[in-house]
Amino acid sequence: MLNKKWLAFIIVGLAVVVGGWAYFKKADTGGGLRIGKVSREDLVQRVTIAGIAEANKTTVVNSSYDGYVKKLYVKLGEQVEMNAPLVSVAQSLQAAENVFPIRAPFTGTVTQVMKSEGQFVRATDSKDFIVRMDDLTKMFVNANSPEMDVVKLKTGLETIIRASAILNKTYKGVVTSISQAATATEQWGGRAQVNFAVKIQVTDADAEFKPGMSALVDIVTNKKENVLTLAHEFIQKEGEDYFVILKDGQRRSIKVGLQNESVFEITEGLKEGDEVRQIDFLKLIGKEGES
């Protein structure tokens, strides 16, 4: 039994050695390195920030005195006109008093009903409100941009919006305002993080996009259409010059233009369809060792 175990170990060891030799032999000829191809596409630079969805207008209705909900005139999801009655509050449910209803300050949708008829409510408690209304005719995302990115932003820029709860679609938007002063928040370790408030209007919001949802916003800061591009991993820099290694192993100098997080624009040195490979670092290290 012991001899069989040793035989198995020897076979596995030989397989590892042969496999490793074959891999490095293949890499030495360029066969084991990834190949990239120059292609044409739209190159987009963007700034990504996080925010919260909110309606054009929002109000919560509460009582100006401690009392009881006498009558609810609306239900959840109902569309109400400006000045329509929403709720009435009485100081006592037993007294036959006439109570004037609280009315809608604008035309909108009832998005929350937090109390039932007969339930006690406290005076001017914003957290203990009765009804919430939203004007959903326009939707926005209120976000914060770090100070390093805010210099790239301006009003009118197009955006792509992804709501965390809606996985099957994206929304379009436009930057409508950028704060002219920063807000500093203290972070762990006592360091302050500086952010600028950015407001984005959602131009194609639907019923799924609701107030309070968290969202990621890609703000398009620059865009070039139908340009030659190549992934970062295939491009090397030496001093101020850029170069690639062609599929056949030849080195070629190139010039680059716009870049984003994944690709460079190729302005000179390559054409569409050219194939390049990753740098063979084993060879590179060997040459450096020889020198």
C-alpha atoms as a PDB file:
ATOM      1  CA  MET A   1       0.000   0.000   0.000  1.00  0.00           C
ATOM      2  CA  LEU A   2       2.857   2.373   0.837  1.00  0.00           C
ATOM      3  CA  ASN A   3       4.532   1.744  -2.504  1.00  0.00           C
ATOM      4  CA  LYS A   4       1.310   2.569  -4.358  1.00  0.00           C
ATOM      5  CA  LYS A   5       1.007   5.873  -2.457  1.00  0.00           C
ATOM      6  CA  TRP A   6       4.571   6.827  -3.328  1.00  0.00           C
ATOM      7  CA  LEU A   7       3.952   5.890  -6.951  1.00  0.00           C
ATOM      8  CA  ALA A   8       0.885   8.139  -7.009  1.00  0.00           C
ATOM      9  CA  PHE A   9       2.877  11.041  -5.536  1.00  0.00           C
ATOM     10  CA  ILE A  10       5.618  10.559  -8.159  1.00  0.00           C
ATOM     11  CA  ILE A  11       3.062  10.544 -11.011  1.00  0.00           C
ATOM     12  CA  VAL A  12       1.376  13.722  -9.718  1.00  0.00           C
ATOM     13  CA  GLY A  13       4.751  15.426  -9.273  1.00  0.00           C
ATOM     14  CA  LEU A  14       5.821  14.585 -12.810  1.00  0.00           C
ATOM     15  CA  ALA A  15       2.511  15.889 -14.145  1.00  0.00           C
ATOM     16  CA  VAL A  16       3.014  19.203 -12.338  1.00  0.00           C
ATOM     17  CA  VAL A  17       6.574  19.569 -13.627  1.00  0.00           C
ATOM     18  CA  VAL A  18       5.631  18.723 -17.224  1.00  0.00           C
ATOM     19  CA  GLY A  19       2.562  20.968 -17.087  1.00  0.00           C
ATOM     20  CA  GLY A  20       4.583  23.885 -15.722  1.00  0.00           C
ATOM     21  CA  TRP A  21       7.282  23.429 -18.367  1.00  0.00           C
ATOM     22  CA  ALA A  22       4.649  23.333 -21.125  1.00  0.00           C
ATOM     23  CA  TYR A  23       2.955  26.483 -19.802  1.00  0.00           C
ATOM     24  CA  PHE A  24       6.139  28.521 -19.660  1.00  0.00           C
ATOM     25  CA  LYS A  25       7.275  27.144 -23.015  1.00  0.00           C
ATOM     26  CA  LYS A  26       3.942  28.217 -24.482  1.00  0.00           C
ATOM     27  CA  ALA A  27       4.187  31.644 -22.826  1.00  0.00           C
ATOM     28  CA  ASP A  28       7.704  32.047 -24.177  1.00  0.00           C
ATOM     29  CA  THR A  29       6.378  31.857 -27.715  1.00  0.00           C
ATOM     30  CA  GLY A  30       3.479  34.191 -26.986  1.00  0.00           C
ATOM     31  CA  GLY A  31       0.891  31.386 -27.173  1.00  0.00           C
ATOM     32  CA  GLY A  32      -0.048  31.597 -23.485  1.00  0.00           C
ATOM     33  CA  LEU A  33      -0.573  35.352 -23.379  1.00  0.00           C
ATOM     34  CA  ARG A  34      -3.881  37.080 -23.865  1.00  0.00           C
ATOM     35  CA  ILE A  35      -4.501  38.628 -27.266  1.00  0.00           C
ATOM     36  CA  GLY A  36      -6.337  41.924 -27.688  1.00  0.00           C
ATOM     37  CA  LYS A  37      -7.846  43.480 -30.782  1.00  0.00           C
ATOM     38  CA  VAL A  38      -8.179  47.138 -31.752  1.00  0.00           C
ATOM     39  CA  SER A  39     -11.858  47.964 -32.265  1.00  0.00           C
ATOM     40  CA  ARG A  40     -14.116  50.922 -32.924  1.00  0.00           C
ATOM     41  CA  GLU A  41     -16.570  52.029 -30.254  1.00  0.00           C
ATOM     42  CA  ASP A  42     -17.936  55.034 -28.423  1.00  0.00           C
ATOM     43  CA  LEU A  43     -15.522  56.051 -25.667  1.00  0.00           C
ATOM     44  CA  VAL A  44     -17.204  57.576 -22.615  1.00  0.00           C
ATOM     45  CA  GLN A  45     -15.620  59.262 -19.615  1.00  0.00           C
ATOM     46  CA  ARG A  46     -17.820  59.371 -16.554  1.00  0.00           C
ATOM     47  CA  VAL A  47     -18.020  60.287 -12.882  1.00  0.00           C
ATOM     48  CA  THR A  48     -20.011  57.901 -10.701  1.00  0.00           C
ATOM     49  CA  ILE A  49     -21.774  59.185  -7.576  1.00  0.00           C
ATOM     50  CA  ALA A  50     -24.435  57.817  -5.229  1.00  0.00           C
ATOM     51  CA  GLY A  51     -27.683  59.466  -4.253  1.00  0.00           C
ATOM     52  CA  ILE A  52     -31.304  59.150  -3.171  1.00  0.00           C
ATOM     53  CA  ALA A  53     -34.396  59.513  -5.364  1.00  0.00           C
ATOM     54  CA  GLU A  54     -36.885  62.214  -4.436  1.00  0.00           C
ATOM     55  CA  ALA A  55     -40.041  63.715  -5.869  1.00  0.00           C
ATOM     56  CA  ASN A  56     -40.521  67.214  -7.243  1.00  0.00           C
ATOM     57  CA  LYS A  57     -42.407  68.178  -4.065  1.00  0.00           C
ATOM     58  CA  THR A  58     -42.942  66.354  -0.786  1.00  0.00           C
ATOM     59  CA  THR A  59     -44.990  67.139   2.297  1.00  0.00           C
ATOM     60  CA  VAL A  60     -46.005  65.298   5.439  1.00  0.00           C
ATOM     61  CA  VAL A  61     -49.263  66.127   7.189  1.00  0.00           C
ATOM     62  CA  ASN A  62     -49.436  66.196  10.970  1.00  0.00           C
ATOM     63  CA  SER A  63     -51.580  67.893  13.573  1.00  0.00           C
ATOM     64  CA  SER A  64     -50.972  71.276  15.182  1.00  0.00           C
ATOM     65  CA  TYR A  65     -52.244  69.872  18.493  1.00  0.00           C
ATOM     66  CA  ASP A  66     -52.457  66.522  20.315  1.00  0.00           C
ATOM     67  CA  GLY A  67     -55.571  64.692  19.281  1.00  0.00           C
ATOM     68  CA  TYR A  68     -57.173  61.840  17.374  1.00  0.00           C
ATOM     69  CA  VAL A  69     -57.633  61.182  13.685  1.00  0.00           C
ATOM     70  CA  LYS A  70     -61.333  61.868  13.172  1.00  0.00           C
ATOM     71  CA  LYS A  71     -61.552  61.220   9.432  1.00  0.00           C
ATOM     72  CA  LEU A  72     -59.237  60.189   6.618  1.00  0.00           C
ATOM     73  CA  TYR A  73     -60.433  61.568   3.289  1.00  0.00           C
ATOM     74  CA  VAL A  74     -57.788  59.833   1.168  1.00  0.00           C
ATOM     75  CA  LYS A  75     -56.262  56.394   0.678  1.00  0.00           C
ATOM     76  CA  LEU A  76     -52.803  55.171  -0.295  1.00  0.00           C
ATOM     77  CA  GLY A  77     -51.934  55.783  -3.949  1.00  0.00           C
ATOM     78  CA  GLU A  78     -54.782  58.224  -4.529  1.00  0.00           C
ATOM     79  CA  GLN A  79     -54.261  61.257  -6.754  1.00  0.00           C
ATOM     80  CA  VAL A  80     -55.476  64.418  -5.017  1.00  0.00           C
ATOM     81  CA  GLU A  81     -55.930  67.962  -6.234  1.00  0.00           C
ATOM     82  CA  MET A  82     -54.598  71.057  -4.506  1.00  0.00           C
ATOM     83  CA  ASN A  83     -56.853  72.122  -1.569  1.00  0.00           C
ATOM     84  CA  ALA A  84     -58.601  68.728  -1.440  1.00  0.00           C
ATOM     85  CA  PRO A  85     -59.296  67.521   2.146  1.00  0.00           C
ATOM     86  CA  LEU A  86     -56.776  65.004   3.475  1.00  0.00           C
ATOM     87  CA  VAL A  87     -57.488  64.391   7.149  1.00  0.00           C
ATOM     88  CA  SER A  88     -59.224  65.938  10.153  1.00  0.00           C
ATOM     89  CA  VAL A  89     -57.995  65.762  13.759  1.00  0.00           C
ATOM     90  CA  ALA A  90     -60.171  66.241  16.871  1.00  0.00           C
ATOM     91  CA  GLN A  91     -59.040  66.751  20.451  1.00  0.00           C
ATOM     92  CA  SER A  92     -61.644  64.234  21.580  1.00  0.00           C
ATOM     93  CA  LEU A  93     -63.506  61.505  19.720  1.00  0.00           C
ATOM     94  CA  GLN A  94     -66.508  61.791  22.044  1.00  0.00           C
ATOM     95  CA  ALA A  95     -67.130  65.510  21.596  1.00  0.00           C
ATOM     96  CA  ALA A  96     -69.401  66.487  18.731  1.00  0.00           C
ATOM     97  CA  GLU A  97     -67.132  69.267  17.602  1.00  0.00           C
ATOM     98  CA  ASN A  98     -66.829  70.576  14.066  1.00  0.00           C
ATOM     99  CA  VAL A  99     -63.288  70.104  12.824  1.00  0.00           C
ATOM    100  CA  PHE A 100     -61.914  71.688   9.694  1.00  0.00           C
ATOM    101  CA  PRO A 101     -59.894  69.248   7.555  1.00  0.00           C
ATOM    102  CA  ILE A 102     -56.235  69.687   6.692  1.00  0.00           C
ATOM    103  CA  ARG A 103     -56.024  70.245   2.936  1.00  0.00           C
ATOM    104  CA  ALA A 104     -53.517  69.330   0.239  1.00  0.00           C
ATOM    105  CA  PRO A 105     -50.926  72.087  -0.357  1.00  0.00           C
ATOM    106  CA  PHE A 106     -50.398  70.958  -3.982  1.00  0.00           C
ATOM    107  CA  THR A 107     -51.640  68.411  -6.500  1.00  0.00           C
ATOM    108  CA  GLY A 108     -49.975  65.070  -5.931  1.00  0.00           C
ATOM    109  CA  THR A 109     -50.106  61.420  -4.908  1.00  0.00           C
ATOM    110  CA  VAL A 110     -50.691  59.983  -1.431  1.00  0.00           C
ATOM    111  CA  THR A 111     -47.542  57.898  -0.939  1.00  0.00           C
ATOM    112  CA  GLN A 112     -47.880  57.025   2.763  1.00  0.00           C
ATOM    113  CA  VAL A 113     -50.788  56.720   5.200  1.00  0.00           C
ATOM    114  CA  MET A 114     -49.332  56.200   8.675  1.00  0.00           C
ATOM    115  CA  LYS A 115     -52.413  56.550  10.900  1.00  0.00           C
ATOM    116  CA  SER A 116     -55.926  55.116  11.047  1.00  0.00           C
ATOM    117  CA  GLU A 117     -59.137  56.834  12.012  1.00  0.00           C
ATOM    118  CA  GLY A 118     -59.403  57.058  15.800  1.00  0.00           C
ATOM    119  CA  GLN A 119     -55.610  56.808  16.333  1.00  0.00           C
ATOM    120  CA  PHE A 120     -53.846  59.274  18.630  1.00  0.00           C
ATOM    121  CA  VAL A 121     -51.397  61.760  17.104  1.00  0.00           C
ATOM    122  CA  ARG A 122     -48.953  64.153  18.701  1.00  0.00           C
ATOM    123  CA  ALA A 123     -48.666  67.813  17.817  1.00  0.00           C
ATOM    124  CA  THR A 124     -46.073  68.882  15.200  1.00  0.00           C
ATOM    125  CA  ASP A 125     -44.137  65.619  15.392  1.00  0.00           C
ATOM    126  CA  SER A 126     -42.545  65.247  11.957  1.00  0.00           C
ATOM    127  CA  LYS A 127     -41.769  61.572  12.605  1.00  0.00           C
ATOM    128  CA  ASP A 128     -45.283  60.822  13.824  1.00  0.00           C
ATOM    129  CA  PHE A 129     -47.089  62.152  10.757  1.00  0.00           C
ATOM    130  CA  ILE A 130     -50.465  61.081   9.403  1.00  0.00           C
ATOM    131  CA  VAL A 131     -50.192  61.301   5.620  1.00  0.00           C
ATOM    132  CA  ARG A 132     -47.405  61.918   3.131  1.00  0.00           C
ATOM    133  CA  MET A 133     -47.918  63.426  -0.316  1.00  0.00           C
ATOM    134  CA  ASP A 134     -45.515  63.604  -3.256  1.00  0.00           C
ATOM    135  CA  ASP A 135     -45.652  65.415  -6.575  1.00  0.00           C
ATOM    136  CA  LEU A 136     -44.397  62.616  -8.836  1.00  0.00           C
ATOM    137  CA  THR A 137     -44.664  64.564 -12.092  1.00  0.00           C
ATOM    138  CA  LYS A 138     -40.887  65.060 -11.884  1.00  0.00           C
ATOM    139  CA  MET A 139     -38.321  62.852 -10.207  1.00  0.00           C
ATOM    140  CA  PHE A 140     -34.791  63.741  -9.115  1.00  0.00           C
ATOM    141  CA  VAL A 141     -31.729  62.157  -7.563  1.00  0.00           C
ATOM    142  CA  ASN A 142     -29.968  64.131  -4.858  1.00  0.00           C
ATOM    143  CA  ALA A 143     -26.337  63.011  -4.791  1.00  0.00           C
ATOM    144  CA  ASN A 144     -22.937  64.068  -3.449  1.00  0.00           C
ATOM    145  CA  SER A 145     -19.771  64.472  -5.490  1.00  0.00           C
ATOM    146  CA  PRO A 146     -16.265  64.330  -3.945  1.00  0.00           C
ATOM    147  CA  GLU A 147     -14.270  67.530  -4.413  1.00  0.00           C
ATOM    148  CA  MET A 148     -11.824  65.765  -6.779  1.00  0.00           C
ATOM    149  CA  ASP A 149     -14.655  65.013  -9.221  1.00  0.00           C
ATOM    150  CA  VAL A 150     -16.845  68.114  -8.933  1.00  0.00           C
ATOM    151  CA  VAL A 151     -14.457  70.132 -11.126  1.00  0.00           C
ATOM    152  CA  LYS A 152     -15.365  67.789 -14.013  1.00  0.00           C
ATOM    153  CA  LEU A 153     -19.103  68.452 -13.656  1.00  0.00           C
ATOM    154  CA  LYS A 154     -21.404  71.101 -15.070  1.00  0.00           C
ATOM    155  CA  THR A 155     -25.132  71.575 -15.457  1.00  0.00           C
ATOM    156  CA  GLY A 156     -26.658  70.014 -18.546  1.00  0.00           C
ATOM    157  CA  LEU A 157     -24.457  66.896 -18.578  1.00  0.00           C
ATOM    158  CA  GLU A 158     -26.237  63.653 -19.469  1.00  0.00           C
ATOM    159  CA  THR A 159     -26.434  60.856 -16.909  1.00  0.00           C
ATOM    160  CA  ILE A 160     -27.206  57.149 -16.669  1.00  0.00           C
ATOM    161  CA  ILE A 161     -29.079  56.216 -13.481  1.00  0.00           C
ATOM    162  CA  ARG A 162     -29.301  52.790 -11.861  1.00  0.00           C
ATOM    163  CA  ALA A 163     -31.699  52.291  -8.965  1.00  0.00           C
ATOM    164  CA  SER A 164     -30.427  49.618  -6.564  1.00  0.00           C
ATOM    165  CA  ALA A 165     -33.872  47.991  -6.347  1.00  0.00           C
ATOM    166  CA  ILE A 166     -34.500  47.932 -10.129  1.00  0.00           C
ATOM    167  CA  LEU A 167     -32.061  45.532 -11.762  1.00  0.00           C
ATOM    168  CA  ASN A 168     -33.537  45.202 -15.240  1.00  0.00           C
ATOM    169  CA  LYS A 169     -33.326  48.791 -16.494  1.00  0.00           C
ATOM    170  CA  THR A 170     -31.485  52.094 -16.386  1.00  0.00           C
ATOM    171  CA  TYR A 171     -32.844  55.637 -16.538  1.00  0.00           C
ATOM    172  CA  LYS A 172     -31.674  58.762 -18.318  1.00  0.00           C
ATOM    173  CA  GLY A 173     -31.105  62.056 -16.563  1.00  0.00           C
ATOM    174  CA  VAL A 174     -29.511  65.484 -16.709  1.00  0.00           C
ATOM    175  CA  VAL A 175     -27.561  67.475 -14.121  1.00  0.00           C
ATOM    176  CA  THR A 176     -29.713  70.453 -13.080  1.00  0.00           C
ATOM    177  CA  SER A 177     -27.662  72.003 -10.260  1.00  0.00           C
ATOM    178  CA  ILE A 178     -24.290  71.750  -8.518  1.00  0.00           C
ATOM    179  CA  SER A 179     -23.707  73.264  -5.085  1.00  0.00           C
ATOM    180  CA  GLN A 180     -21.292  76.191  -5.041  1.00  0.00           C
ATOM    181  CA  ALA A 181     -20.157  75.364  -1.496  1.00  0.00           C
ATOM    182  CA  ALA A 182     -18.967  72.106   0.012  1.00  0.00           C
ATOM    183  CA  THR A 183     -20.366  70.223   2.962  1.00  0.00           C
ATOM    184  CA  ALA A 184     -17.813  68.540   5.203  1.00  0.00           C
ATOM    185  CA  THR A 185     -18.670  65.390   7.146  1.00  0.00           C
ATOM    186  CA  GLU A 186     -16.357  63.906   9.734  1.00  0.00           C
ATOM    187  CA  GLN A 187     -15.163  60.404   8.969  1.00  0.00           C
ATOM    188  CA  TRP A 188     -13.527  57.696  11.020  1.00  0.00           C
ATOM    189  CA  GLY A 189     -10.199  58.880  12.421  1.00  0.00           C
ATOM    190  CA  GLY A 190     -11.288  62.526  12.593  1.00  0.00           C
ATOM    191  CA  ARG A 191     -10.674  63.265   8.904  1.00  0.00           C
ATOM    192  CA  ALA A 192     -13.292  65.343   7.112  1.00  0.00           C
ATOM    193  CA  GLN A 193     -14.760  64.234   3.796  1.00  0.00           C
ATOM    194  CA  VAL A 194     -15.756  67.122   1.540  1.00  0.00           C
ATOM    195  CA  ASN A 195     -18.713  66.729  -0.827  1.00  0.00           C
ATOM    196  CA  PHE A 196     -20.716  68.953  -3.156  1.00  0.00           C
ATOM    197  CA  ALA A 197     -24.461  68.444  -3.561  1.00  0.00           C
ATOM    198  CA  VAL A 198     -25.491  67.545  -7.116  1.00  0.00           C
ATOM    199  CA  LYS A 199     -29.107  67.378  -8.306  1.00  0.00           C
ATOM    200  CA  ILE A 200     -30.058  65.237 -11.305  1.00  0.00           C
ATOM    201  CA  GLN A 201     -33.467  65.228 -12.985  1.00  0.00           C
ATOM    202  CA  VAL A 202     -34.642  61.807 -14.153  1.00  0.00           C
ATOM    203  CA  THR A 203     -36.008  62.418 -17.643  1.00  0.00           C
ATOM    204  CA  ASP A 204     -37.698  59.045 -18.205  1.00  0.00           C
ATOM    205  CA  ALA A 205     -38.859  58.067 -14.699  1.00  0.00           C
ATOM    206  CA  ASP A 206     -41.687  55.546 -14.460  1.00  0.00           C
ATOM    207  CA  ALA A 207     -43.901  54.163 -11.685  1.00  0.00           C
ATOM    208  CA  GLU A 208     -41.137  51.781 -10.518  1.00  0.00           C
ATOM    209  CA  PHE A 209     -38.758  54.637  -9.718  1.00  0.00           C
ATOM    210  CA  LYS A 210     -39.942  55.724  -6.272  1.00  0.00           C
ATOM    211  CA  PRO A 211     -38.927  58.427  -3.765  1.00  0.00           C
ATOM    212  CA  GLY A 212     -36.379  57.203  -1.245  1.00  0.00           C
ATOM    213  CA  MET A 213     -34.720  54.624  -3.500  1.00  0.00           C
ATOM    214  CA  SER A 214     -30.930  54.574  -3.524  1.00  0.00           C
ATOM    215  CA  ALA A 215     -29.321  55.098  -6.907  1.00  0.00           C
ATOM    216  CA  LEU A 216     -25.949  55.191  -8.648  1.00  0.00           C
ATOM    217  CA  VAL A 217     -25.499  57.946 -11.215  1.00  0.00           C
ATOM    218  CA  ASP A 218     -22.946  57.833 -14.045  1.00  0.00           C
ATOM    219  CA  ILE A 219     -22.424  61.422 -15.211  1.00  0.00           C
ATOM    220  CA  VAL A 220     -21.027  61.530 -18.743  1.00  0.00           C
ATOM    221  CA  THR A 221     -18.247  64.150 -18.657  1.00  0.00           C
ATOM    222  CA  ASN A 222     -16.782  63.467 -22.115  1.00  0.00           C
ATOM    223  CA  LYS A 223     -17.633  61.293 -25.082  1.00  0.00           C
ATOM    224  CA  LYS A 224     -16.115  60.428 -28.459  1.00  0.00           C
ATOM    225  CA  GLU A 225     -18.048  58.364 -30.967  1.00  0.00           C
ATOM    226  CA  ASN A 226     -16.693  55.622 -33.215  1.00  0.00           C
ATOM    227  CA  VAL A 227     -13.013  55.894 -32.256  1.00  0.00           C
ATOM    228  CA  LEU A 228     -10.267  53.250 -32.252  1.00  0.00           C
ATOM    229  CA  THR A 229      -9.878  51.748 -28.777  1.00  0.00           C
ATOM    230  CA  LEU A 230      -7.697  49.221 -26.989  1.00  0.00           C
ATOM    231  CA  ALA A 231      -7.919  47.881 -23.431  1.00  0.00           C
ATOM    232  CA  HIS A 232      -5.474  49.243 -20.857  1.00  0.00           C
ATOM    233  CA  GLU A 233      -3.883  45.851 -20.188  1.00  0.00           C
ATOM    234  CA  PHE A 234      -2.318  45.729 -23.681  1.00  0.00           C
ATOM    235  CA  ILE A 235      -0.728  49.194 -23.572  1.00  0.00           C
ATOM    236  CA  GLN A 236       2.603  49.969 -21.932  1.00  0.00           C
ATOM    237  CA  LYS A 237       4.231  53.289 -21.104  1.00  0.00           C
ATOM    238  CA  GLU A 238       7.945  54.063 -21.182  1.00  0.00           C
ATOM    239  CA  GLY A 239       8.727  57.586 -20.046  1.00  0.00           C
ATOM    240  CA  GLU A 240       6.230  59.749 -21.932  1.00  0.00           C
ATOM    241  CA  ASP A 241       5.837  57.287 -24.805  1.00  0.00           C
ATOM    242  CA  TYR A 242       3.293  54.497 -25.259  1.00  0.00           C
ATOM    243  CA  PHE A 243       3.847  51.204 -27.062  1.00  0.00           C
ATOM    244  CA  VAL A 244       2.283  47.789 -27.672  1.00  0.00           C
ATOM    245  CA  ILE A 245       3.584  44.340 -28.554  1.00  0.00           C
ATOM    246  CA  LEU A 246       2.011  43.003 -31.739  1.00  0.00           C
ATOM    247  CA  LYS A 247       0.816  39.409 -31.931  1.00  0.00           C
ATOM    248  CA  ASP A 248       4.001  38.410 -33.783  1.00  0.00           C
ATOM    249  CA  GLY A 249       6.166  39.856 -31.005  1.00  0.00           C
ATOM    250  CA  GLN A 250       7.174  43.138 -32.656  1.00  0.00           C
ATOM    251  CA  ARG A 251       7.114  46.319 -30.610  1.00  0.00           C
ATOM    252  CA  ARG A 252       5.219  49.290 -32.008  1.00  0.00           C
ATOM    253  CA  SER A 253       5.008  52.869 -30.753  1.00  0.00           C
ATOM    254  CA  ILE A 254       1.523  54.356 -30.571  1.00  0.00           C
ATOM    255  CA  LYS A 255      -0.177  57.595 -29.599  1.00  0.00           C
ATOM    256  CA  VAL A 256      -3.235  57.715 -27.368  1.00  0.00           C
ATOM    257  CA  GLY A 257      -6.008  60.227 -26.759  1.00  0.00           C
ATOM    258  CA  LEU A 258      -9.005  60.048 -24.474  1.00  0.00           C
ATOM    259  CA  GLN A 259      -9.174  57.254 -21.911  1.00  0.00           C
ATOM    260  CA  ASN A 260     -11.644  55.919 -19.370  1.00  0.00           C
ATOM    261  CA  GLU A 261     -11.532  53.208 -16.726  1.00  0.00           C
ATOM    262  CA  SER A 262     -11.163  50.380 -19.271  1.00  0.00           C
ATOM    263  CA  VAL A 263      -9.810  51.540 -22.665  1.00  0.00           C
ATOM    264  CA  PHE A 264      -7.563  54.066 -24.411  1.00  0.00           C
ATOM    265  CA  GLU A 265      -8.346  55.895 -27.618  1.00  0.00           C
ATOM    266  CA  ILE A 266      -5.711  55.027 -30.240  1.00  0.00           C
ATOM    267  CA  THR A 267      -4.859  58.058 -32.396  1.00  0.00           C
ATOM    268  CA  GLU A 268      -1.736  56.759 -34.199  1.00  0.00           C
ATOM    269  CA  GLY A 269       0.169  53.520 -34.748  1.00  0.00           C
ATOM    270  CA  LEU A 270      -2.642  50.951 -35.029  1.00  0.00           C
ATOM    271  CA  LYS A 271      -5.654  50.307 -37.233  1.00  0.00           C
ATOM    272  CA  GLU A 272      -8.946  48.554 -36.641  1.00  0.00           C
ATOM    273  CA  GLY A 273      -8.540  44.789 -36.307  1.00  0.00           C
ATOM    274  CA  ASP A 274      -4.822  44.857 -35.375  1.00  0.00           C
ATOM    275  CA  GLU A 275      -4.025  42.212 -32.753  1.00  0.00           C
ATOM    276  CA  VAL A 276      -1.658  42.802 -29.846  1.00  0.00           C
ATOM    277  CA  ARG A 277      -0.621  40.749 -26.875  1.00  0.00           C
ATOM    278  CA  GLN A 278       0.203  41.316 -23.261  1.00  0.00           C
ATOM    279  CA  ILE A 279       3.803  41.969 -22.325  1.00  0.00           C
ATOM    280  CA  ASP A 280       5.723  38.753 -21.649  1.00  0.00           C
ATOM    281  CA  PHE A 281       7.023  39.723 -18.227  1.00  0.00           C
ATOM    282  CA  LEU A 282       9.118  36.551 -17.945  1.00  0.00           C
ATOM    283  CA  LYS A 283      11.161  37.663 -20.949  1.00  0.00           C
ATOM    284  CA  LEU A 284      11.227  41.233 -19.734  1.00  0.00           C
ATOM    285  CA  ILE A 285      12.611  40.226 -16.348  1.00  0.00           C
ATOM    286  CA  GLY A 286      15.168  38.002 -18.043  1.00  0.00           C
ATOM    287  CA  LYS A 287      16.418  40.850 -20.250  1.00  0.00           C
ATOM    288  CA  GLU A 288      16.646  43.190 -17.277  1.00  0.00           C
ATOM    289  CA  GLY A 289      18.651  40.527 -15.412  1.00  0.00           C
ATOM    290  CA  GLU A 290      21.052  40.167 -18.323  1.00  0.00           C
ATOM    291  CA  SER A 291      21.617  43.919 -18.473  1.00  0.00           C
END
